[in-house]
Protein backbone atom coordinates (compact mmCIF):
# COMPACT_ATOMS: atom_id res chain seq x y z
CA UNK A 1 -288.13 -213.43 75.23
CA UNK A 2 -284.62 -214.75 75.60
CA UNK A 3 -281.02 -213.96 76.26
CA UNK A 4 -278.30 -214.10 73.62
CA UNK A 5 -274.81 -212.97 74.60
CA UNK A 6 -271.98 -212.31 72.17
CA UNK A 7 -268.28 -211.73 72.75
CA UNK A 8 -266.39 -210.97 69.54
CA UNK A 9 -262.69 -210.33 69.04
CA UNK A 10 -260.67 -210.03 65.86
CA UNK A 11 -260.14 -213.80 65.57
CA UNK A 12 -263.08 -215.35 67.43
CA UNK A 13 -266.67 -214.91 68.48
CA UNK A 14 -268.52 -216.78 71.21
CA UNK A 15 -272.32 -216.74 71.32
CA UNK A 16 -274.43 -218.17 74.13
CA UNK A 17 -278.20 -218.31 74.66
CA UNK A 18 -280.71 -219.65 77.11
CA UNK A 19 -283.22 -222.30 75.99
CA UNK A 20 -286.65 -221.18 77.20
CA UNK A 21 -289.54 -220.38 74.89
CA UNK A 22 -292.60 -219.02 76.65
CA UNK A 23 -295.96 -217.57 75.78
CA UNK A 24 -296.28 -214.39 77.81
CA UNK A 25 -299.96 -213.93 76.99
CA UNK A 26 -300.80 -217.35 78.40
CA UNK A 27 -298.12 -217.26 81.07
CA UNK A 28 -296.73 -220.67 80.24
CA UNK A 29 -293.48 -222.24 79.16
CA UNK A 30 -293.62 -223.89 75.75
CA UNK A 31 -290.12 -225.34 75.55
CA UNK A 32 -287.08 -225.43 77.83
CA UNK A 33 -284.38 -226.49 75.35
CA UNK A 34 -284.80 -224.36 72.23
CA UNK A 35 -281.53 -223.25 70.61
CA UNK A 36 -281.65 -219.53 69.75
CA UNK A 37 -278.44 -219.71 67.76
CA UNK A 38 -278.16 -220.84 64.16
CA UNK A 39 -274.79 -221.86 62.79
CA UNK A 40 -275.07 -220.88 59.11
CA UNK A 41 -271.64 -222.15 58.12
CA UNK A 42 -268.16 -222.40 59.65
CA UNK A 43 -267.77 -218.61 59.60
CA UNK A 44 -271.20 -217.18 60.47
CA UNK A 45 -273.77 -217.59 63.24
CA UNK A 46 -277.12 -215.91 63.91
CA UNK A 47 -278.53 -215.23 67.37
CA UNK A 48 -282.15 -214.27 67.91
CA UNK A 49 -284.59 -213.38 70.67
CA UNK A 50 -288.24 -212.48 70.73
CA UNK A 51 -291.17 -213.93 68.84
CA UNK A 52 -290.17 -217.51 68.03
CA UNK A 53 -292.18 -217.99 64.83
CA UNK A 54 -291.21 -214.56 63.50
CA UNK A 55 -287.52 -215.30 64.06
CA UNK A 56 -287.83 -218.74 62.47
CA UNK A 57 -289.53 -217.26 59.41
CA UNK A 58 -286.77 -214.66 59.06
CA UNK A 59 -284.09 -217.37 59.29
CA UNK A 60 -285.76 -219.43 56.55
CA UNK A 61 -284.27 -216.96 54.04
CA UNK A 62 -280.71 -217.96 54.97
CA UNK A 63 -278.54 -220.62 53.37
CA UNK A 64 -274.95 -221.68 53.96
CA UNK A 65 -273.73 -220.45 50.57
CA UNK A 66 -274.59 -216.81 51.26
CA UNK A 67 -271.96 -214.19 52.06
CA UNK A 68 -272.01 -212.29 55.34
CA UNK A 69 -273.51 -209.19 53.69
CA UNK A 70 -276.16 -211.27 51.89
CA UNK A 71 -277.13 -212.90 55.19
CA UNK A 72 -277.52 -209.55 56.98
CA UNK A 73 -279.63 -208.15 54.12
CA UNK A 74 -281.85 -211.24 53.73
CA UNK A 75 -282.38 -211.67 57.47
CA UNK A 76 -283.23 -208.00 57.88
CA UNK A 77 -285.77 -208.06 55.03
CA UNK A 78 -287.46 -211.25 56.21
CA UNK A 79 -287.57 -210.07 59.83
CA UNK A 80 -289.41 -206.90 58.75
CA UNK A 81 -291.99 -209.03 56.91
CA UNK A 82 -292.41 -211.37 59.90
CA UNK A 83 -292.83 -208.42 62.26
CA UNK A 84 -295.60 -207.03 60.03
CA UNK A 85 -297.48 -210.31 60.57
CA UNK A 86 -296.81 -211.03 64.25
CA UNK A 87 -296.34 -207.52 65.71
CA UNK A 88 -294.12 -208.91 68.44
CA UNK A 89 -290.58 -207.87 69.38
CA UNK A 90 -287.60 -209.51 67.72
CA UNK A 91 -283.88 -208.87 68.14
CA UNK A 92 -281.42 -210.54 65.80
CA UNK A 93 -277.65 -210.49 65.35
CA UNK A 94 -275.34 -211.83 62.69
CA UNK A 95 -271.82 -212.64 63.85
CA UNK A 96 -268.88 -213.93 61.85
CA UNK A 97 -266.18 -213.32 59.32
CA UNK A 98 -267.22 -211.08 56.44
CA UNK A 99 -266.05 -211.19 52.82
CA UNK A 100 -262.75 -209.52 53.82
CA UNK A 101 -262.16 -212.14 56.56
CA UNK A 102 -262.78 -209.51 59.27
CA UNK A 103 -264.89 -210.34 62.30
CA UNK A 104 -268.21 -208.54 61.96
CA UNK A 105 -271.19 -208.13 64.26
CA UNK A 106 -274.47 -206.57 63.14
CA UNK A 107 -277.74 -206.49 65.02
CA UNK A 108 -281.17 -204.99 64.68
CA UNK A 109 -284.40 -204.87 66.65
CA UNK A 110 -288.02 -204.67 65.61
CA UNK A 111 -288.17 -201.29 67.39
CA UNK A 112 -286.66 -199.50 64.39
CA UNK A 113 -284.97 -202.13 62.19
CA UNK A 114 -281.79 -200.04 61.95
CA UNK A 115 -278.86 -202.35 61.23
CA UNK A 116 -276.21 -201.53 63.82
CA UNK A 117 -272.60 -202.62 63.19
CA UNK A 118 -270.65 -203.52 66.31
CA UNK A 119 -267.26 -204.85 65.18
CA UNK A 120 -264.32 -205.47 67.50
CA UNK A 121 -261.65 -202.83 66.96
CA UNK A 122 -257.91 -202.63 67.58
CA UNK A 123 -257.51 -205.73 69.70
CA UNK A 124 -260.58 -204.95 71.81
CA UNK A 125 -263.53 -207.22 72.42
CA UNK A 126 -267.09 -206.28 71.42
CA UNK A 127 -269.78 -207.38 73.84
CA UNK A 128 -273.45 -207.56 72.89
CA UNK A 129 -276.29 -208.60 75.10
CA UNK A 130 -279.74 -209.24 73.63
CA UNK A 131 -281.84 -209.42 76.79
CA UNK A 132 -285.56 -209.34 77.58
CA UNK A 133 -285.24 -206.70 80.26
CA UNK A 134 -283.41 -203.40 80.11
CA UNK A 135 -280.23 -204.34 81.92
CA UNK A 136 -276.51 -204.11 81.55
CA UNK A 137 -275.72 -207.18 83.66
CA UNK A 138 -273.40 -208.73 81.09
CA UNK A 139 -271.64 -205.49 80.11
CA UNK A 140 -271.18 -204.56 83.77
CA UNK A 141 -269.65 -207.95 84.55
CA UNK A 142 -267.29 -207.65 81.57
CA UNK A 143 -266.07 -204.26 82.77
CA UNK A 144 -265.33 -205.55 86.28
CA UNK A 145 -262.98 -208.38 85.44
CA UNK A 146 -259.93 -209.14 83.40
CA UNK A 147 -260.60 -211.93 80.97
CA UNK A 148 -257.63 -213.74 79.54
CA UNK A 149 -259.20 -216.79 78.00
CA UNK A 150 -262.19 -218.12 76.18
CA UNK A 151 -263.02 -220.14 79.31
CA UNK A 152 -263.26 -216.88 81.29
CA UNK A 153 -265.80 -215.45 78.84
CA UNK A 154 -267.73 -218.71 78.68
CA UNK A 155 -267.99 -218.85 82.47
CA UNK A 156 -269.09 -215.22 82.64
CA UNK A 157 -271.72 -215.73 79.95
CA UNK A 158 -273.15 -218.76 81.76
CA UNK A 159 -273.21 -216.87 85.08
CA UNK A 160 -274.99 -213.94 83.41
CA UNK A 161 -277.69 -216.14 81.91
CA UNK A 162 -278.10 -217.89 85.25
CA UNK A 163 -278.44 -214.52 87.05
CA UNK A 164 -281.03 -213.27 84.56
CA UNK A 165 -283.00 -216.52 84.86
CA UNK A 166 -283.40 -215.82 88.59
CA UNK A 167 -285.10 -212.46 87.95
CA UNK A 168 -286.97 -213.12 84.71
CA UNK A 169 -289.33 -216.08 84.21
CA UNK A 170 -288.91 -216.01 80.41
CA UNK A 171 -285.26 -217.08 80.73
CA UNK A 172 -283.78 -220.36 81.97
CA UNK A 173 -280.21 -221.49 82.52
CA UNK A 174 -280.28 -224.28 79.93
CA UNK A 175 -277.58 -222.85 77.67
CA UNK A 176 -276.38 -223.31 74.12
CA UNK A 177 -273.20 -221.91 72.63
CA UNK A 178 -271.41 -221.50 69.31
CA UNK A 179 -267.77 -220.63 68.70
CA UNK A 180 -266.48 -219.09 65.48
CA UNK A 181 -262.71 -218.85 64.97
CA UNK A 182 -260.16 -218.13 62.30
CA UNK A 183 -256.88 -220.01 61.86
CA UNK A 184 -254.91 -217.60 64.05
CA UNK A 185 -257.08 -218.39 67.07
CA UNK A 186 -255.52 -221.82 67.53
CA UNK A 187 -252.00 -220.46 67.22
CA UNK A 188 -252.39 -218.43 70.41
CA UNK A 189 -250.96 -219.47 73.77
């Protein structure tokens, strides 16, 4: 399993993941620097955790010319097919600007494959944590502090992944990140 963290606001989204791929059945680490984020195009990114091959097969259905809605639909359909083959947990999220140029966040798990929208609303920030253990570490940390900059969120995300890596052997603190912004993001102070 893995950790993928998402912070999404109306004009930006930041995604961060760890890099460890492990085989739980064999109890060994396969790779330490695997990126669990896929930048589809300048406006859309996918984050995924769980069965590596199943997630990769689901992502094969995606291309840069697809709209946000097409990506969610294609990824969802392919993930269901991959789960039928591998029978191992997968969690996936699609983050980015939709066809109306609104920040959108959708995720689903192999538990029920319900597509759950989680958009930022009214100047608030949406926070999603795809984690291998039932925890609210990231959400709890977000609630405790005031975050005024992208650097604040980035630091918090890195600290969260580092904390989880100390209590879960399937997670390391080798991190990857992706930033999605619209034009108004750079006009801010």
